[in-house]
């Protein structure tokens, strides 16, 4: 019984720490990216369709280099605002990794 409780407690702690680690990234994406690109990167939002935001899952986006994606995040691109003053290098790397994870399978 003690062993099962310890395993359950360990799992709960891992789940809680993982969720906490994701919170800042999810909050940033929700606040800065999701309005146009959606949380799934599809750009199927009212604003995304209006401004013709690119689908972040599409090959055109996924074929860009990490450096190109980083430059777009920092400088802005075709109506997308610059996030240079708001995103440090670590946050940009995190966003590029997030974008890579959206690739259509």
C-alpha atoms as a PDB file:
ATOM      1  CA  UNK A   1       0.000   0.000   0.000  1.00  0.00           C
ATOM      2  CA  UNK A   2       2.794   2.411   0.889  1.00  0.00           C
ATOM      3  CA  UNK A   3       4.568   1.669  -2.383  1.00  0.00           C
ATOM      4  CA  UNK A   4       1.414   2.414  -4.436  1.00  0.00           C
ATOM      5  CA  UNK A   5       0.922   5.666  -2.526  1.00  0.00           C
ATOM      6  CA  UNK A   6       4.531   6.663  -3.168  1.00  0.00           C
ATOM      7  CA  UNK A   7       4.186   5.919  -6.872  1.00  0.00           C
ATOM      8  CA  UNK A   8       0.941   7.881  -7.072  1.00  0.00           C
ATOM      9  CA  UNK A   9       2.489  10.807  -5.187  1.00  0.00           C
ATOM     10  CA  UNK A  10       5.547  10.786  -7.465  1.00  0.00           C
ATOM     11  CA  UNK A  11       3.311  10.778 -10.550  1.00  0.00           C
ATOM     12  CA  UNK A  12       1.250  13.640  -9.178  1.00  0.00           C
ATOM     13  CA  UNK A  13       4.374  15.676  -8.409  1.00  0.00           C
ATOM     14  CA  UNK A  14       5.748  15.077 -11.904  1.00  0.00           C
ATOM     15  CA  UNK A  15       2.432  16.038 -13.492  1.00  0.00           C
ATOM     16  CA  UNK A  16       2.184  19.174 -11.350  1.00  0.00           C
ATOM     17  CA  UNK A  17       5.775  20.243 -12.064  1.00  0.00           C
ATOM     18  CA  UNK A  18       5.307  19.613 -15.793  1.00  0.00           C
ATOM     19  CA  UNK A  19       2.111  21.659 -15.872  1.00  0.00           C
ATOM     20  CA  UNK A  20       3.814  24.473 -13.952  1.00  0.00           C
ATOM     21  CA  UNK A  21       6.770  24.437 -16.357  1.00  0.00           C
ATOM     22  CA  UNK A  22       4.396  24.784 -19.313  1.00  0.00           C
ATOM     23  CA  UNK A  23       2.424  27.683 -17.847  1.00  0.00           C
ATOM     24  CA  UNK A  24       4.726  30.588 -18.842  1.00  0.00           C
ATOM     25  CA  UNK A  25       5.026  29.348 -22.442  1.00  0.00           C
ATOM     26  CA  UNK A  26       1.297  28.721 -22.732  1.00  0.00           C
ATOM     27  CA  UNK A  27       0.560  32.134 -21.232  1.00  0.00           C
ATOM     28  CA  UNK A  28       2.921  33.847 -23.690  1.00  0.00           C
ATOM     29  CA  UNK A  29       1.478  31.974 -26.675  1.00  0.00           C
ATOM     30  CA  UNK A  30      -2.063  32.681 -25.561  1.00  0.00           C
ATOM     31  CA  UNK A  31      -1.322  36.383 -25.049  1.00  0.00           C
ATOM     32  CA  UNK A  32       0.907  37.053 -28.049  1.00  0.00           C
ATOM     33  CA  UNK A  33       0.407  34.371 -30.697  1.00  0.00           C
ATOM     34  CA  UNK A  34      -2.970  32.661 -30.366  1.00  0.00           C
ATOM     35  CA  UNK A  35      -5.085  35.656 -31.375  1.00  0.00           C
ATOM     36  CA  UNK A  36      -3.852  35.307 -34.953  1.00  0.00           C
ATOM     37  CA  UNK A  37      -2.258  31.849 -35.152  1.00  0.00           C
ATOM     38  CA  UNK A  38      -4.462  29.941 -32.690  1.00  0.00           C
ATOM     39  CA  UNK A  39      -3.046  27.645 -30.021  1.00  0.00           C
ATOM     40  CA  UNK A  40      -2.731  24.906 -32.648  1.00  0.00           C
ATOM     41  CA  UNK A  41      -0.912  27.147 -35.145  1.00  0.00           C
ATOM     42  CA  UNK A  42      -3.636  26.757 -37.791  1.00  0.00           C
ATOM     43  CA  UNK A  43      -4.438  30.496 -37.969  1.00  0.00           C
ATOM     44  CA  UNK A  44      -8.114  29.503 -38.112  1.00  0.00           C
ATOM     45  CA  UNK A  45      -9.196  32.363 -35.875  1.00  0.00           C
ATOM     46  CA  UNK A  46     -11.294  35.373 -36.827  1.00  0.00           C
ATOM     47  CA  UNK A  47      -8.252  37.635 -36.566  1.00  0.00           C
ATOM     48  CA  UNK A  48      -5.973  35.105 -38.259  1.00  0.00           C
ATOM     49  CA  UNK A  49      -8.257  34.902 -41.285  1.00  0.00           C
ATOM     50  CA  UNK A  50      -8.671  38.687 -41.368  1.00  0.00           C
ATOM     51  CA  UNK A  51      -4.924  39.406 -41.381  1.00  0.00           C
ATOM     52  CA  UNK A  52      -4.088  36.285 -43.418  1.00  0.00           C
ATOM     53  CA  UNK A  53      -1.740  34.943 -40.751  1.00  0.00           C
ATOM     54  CA  UNK A  54       0.222  31.949 -42.024  1.00  0.00           C
ATOM     55  CA  UNK A  55      -0.511  28.436 -40.817  1.00  0.00           C
ATOM     56  CA  UNK A  56       2.475  27.654 -38.593  1.00  0.00           C
ATOM     57  CA  UNK A  57       2.008  23.931 -39.281  1.00  0.00           C
ATOM     58  CA  UNK A  58       2.333  24.321 -43.053  1.00  0.00           C
ATOM     59  CA  UNK A  59       5.445  23.306 -44.994  1.00  0.00           C
ATOM     60  CA  UNK A  60       6.100  26.925 -46.011  1.00  0.00           C
ATOM     61  CA  UNK A  61       6.604  27.823 -42.346  1.00  0.00           C
ATOM     62  CA  UNK A  62       8.168  24.538 -41.271  1.00  0.00           C
ATOM     63  CA  UNK A  63      10.739  24.717 -44.097  1.00  0.00           C
ATOM     64  CA  UNK A  64      12.134  27.982 -42.729  1.00  0.00           C
ATOM     65  CA  UNK A  65      15.315  27.681 -40.714  1.00  0.00           C
ATOM     66  CA  UNK A  66      15.304  28.244 -36.971  1.00  0.00           C
ATOM     67  CA  UNK A  67      17.206  31.449 -37.627  1.00  0.00           C
ATOM     68  CA  UNK A  68      14.529  32.668 -40.061  1.00  0.00           C
ATOM     69  CA  UNK A  69      11.748  31.908 -37.596  1.00  0.00           C
ATOM     70  CA  UNK A  70      13.693  33.646 -34.821  1.00  0.00           C
ATOM     71  CA  UNK A  71      14.212  36.706 -37.005  1.00  0.00           C
ATOM     72  CA  UNK A  72      10.487  36.859 -37.807  1.00  0.00           C
ATOM     73  CA  UNK A  73       9.563  36.634 -34.120  1.00  0.00           C
ATOM     74  CA  UNK A  74      12.027  39.375 -33.239  1.00  0.00           C
ATOM     75  CA  UNK A  75      11.534  41.745 -36.181  1.00  0.00           C
ATOM     76  CA  UNK A  76       7.942  41.005 -37.179  1.00  0.00           C
ATOM     77  CA  UNK A  77       6.853  40.167 -40.710  1.00  0.00           C
ATOM     78  CA  UNK A  78       4.060  41.232 -43.086  1.00  0.00           C
ATOM     79  CA  UNK A  79       1.868  42.834 -40.444  1.00  0.00           C
ATOM     80  CA  UNK A  80       3.050  40.713 -37.531  1.00  0.00           C
ATOM     81  CA  UNK A  81       4.443  42.967 -34.819  1.00  0.00           C
ATOM     82  CA  UNK A  82       8.006  42.764 -33.567  1.00  0.00           C
ATOM     83  CA  UNK A  83       8.552  41.047 -30.250  1.00  0.00           C
ATOM     84  CA  UNK A  84      12.188  42.183 -29.920  1.00  0.00           C
ATOM     85  CA  UNK A  85      11.494  44.164 -26.743  1.00  0.00           C
ATOM     86  CA  UNK A  86       9.395  41.406 -25.168  1.00  0.00           C
ATOM     87  CA  UNK A  87      11.189  38.169 -26.046  1.00  0.00           C
ATOM     88  CA  UNK A  88      14.662  37.282 -24.859  1.00  0.00           C
ATOM     89  CA  UNK A  89      16.790  34.696 -26.670  1.00  0.00           C
ATOM     90  CA  UNK A  90      15.525  31.845 -24.486  1.00  0.00           C
ATOM     91  CA  UNK A  91      11.884  32.730 -25.125  1.00  0.00           C
ATOM     92  CA  UNK A  92      12.522  32.921 -28.878  1.00  0.00           C
ATOM     93  CA  UNK A  93      14.153  29.465 -28.825  1.00  0.00           C
ATOM     94  CA  UNK A  94      11.164  28.150 -26.883  1.00  0.00           C
ATOM     95  CA  UNK A  95       8.757  29.614 -29.437  1.00  0.00           C
ATOM     96  CA  UNK A  96      10.705  28.158 -32.359  1.00  0.00           C
ATOM     97  CA  UNK A  97      10.631  24.764 -30.651  1.00  0.00           C
ATOM     98  CA  UNK A  98       6.878  25.164 -30.120  1.00  0.00           C
ATOM     99  CA  UNK A  99       6.387  26.040 -33.804  1.00  0.00           C
ATOM    100  CA  UNK A 100       8.399  22.962 -34.832  1.00  0.00           C
ATOM    101  CA  UNK A 101       6.104  20.845 -32.664  1.00  0.00           C
ATOM    102  CA  UNK A 102       3.077  22.082 -34.628  1.00  0.00           C
ATOM    103  CA  UNK A 103       4.204  20.518 -37.914  1.00  0.00           C
ATOM    104  CA  UNK A 104       1.429  18.662 -39.698  1.00  0.00           C
ATOM    105  CA  UNK A 105       1.944  14.957 -39.446  1.00  0.00           C
END
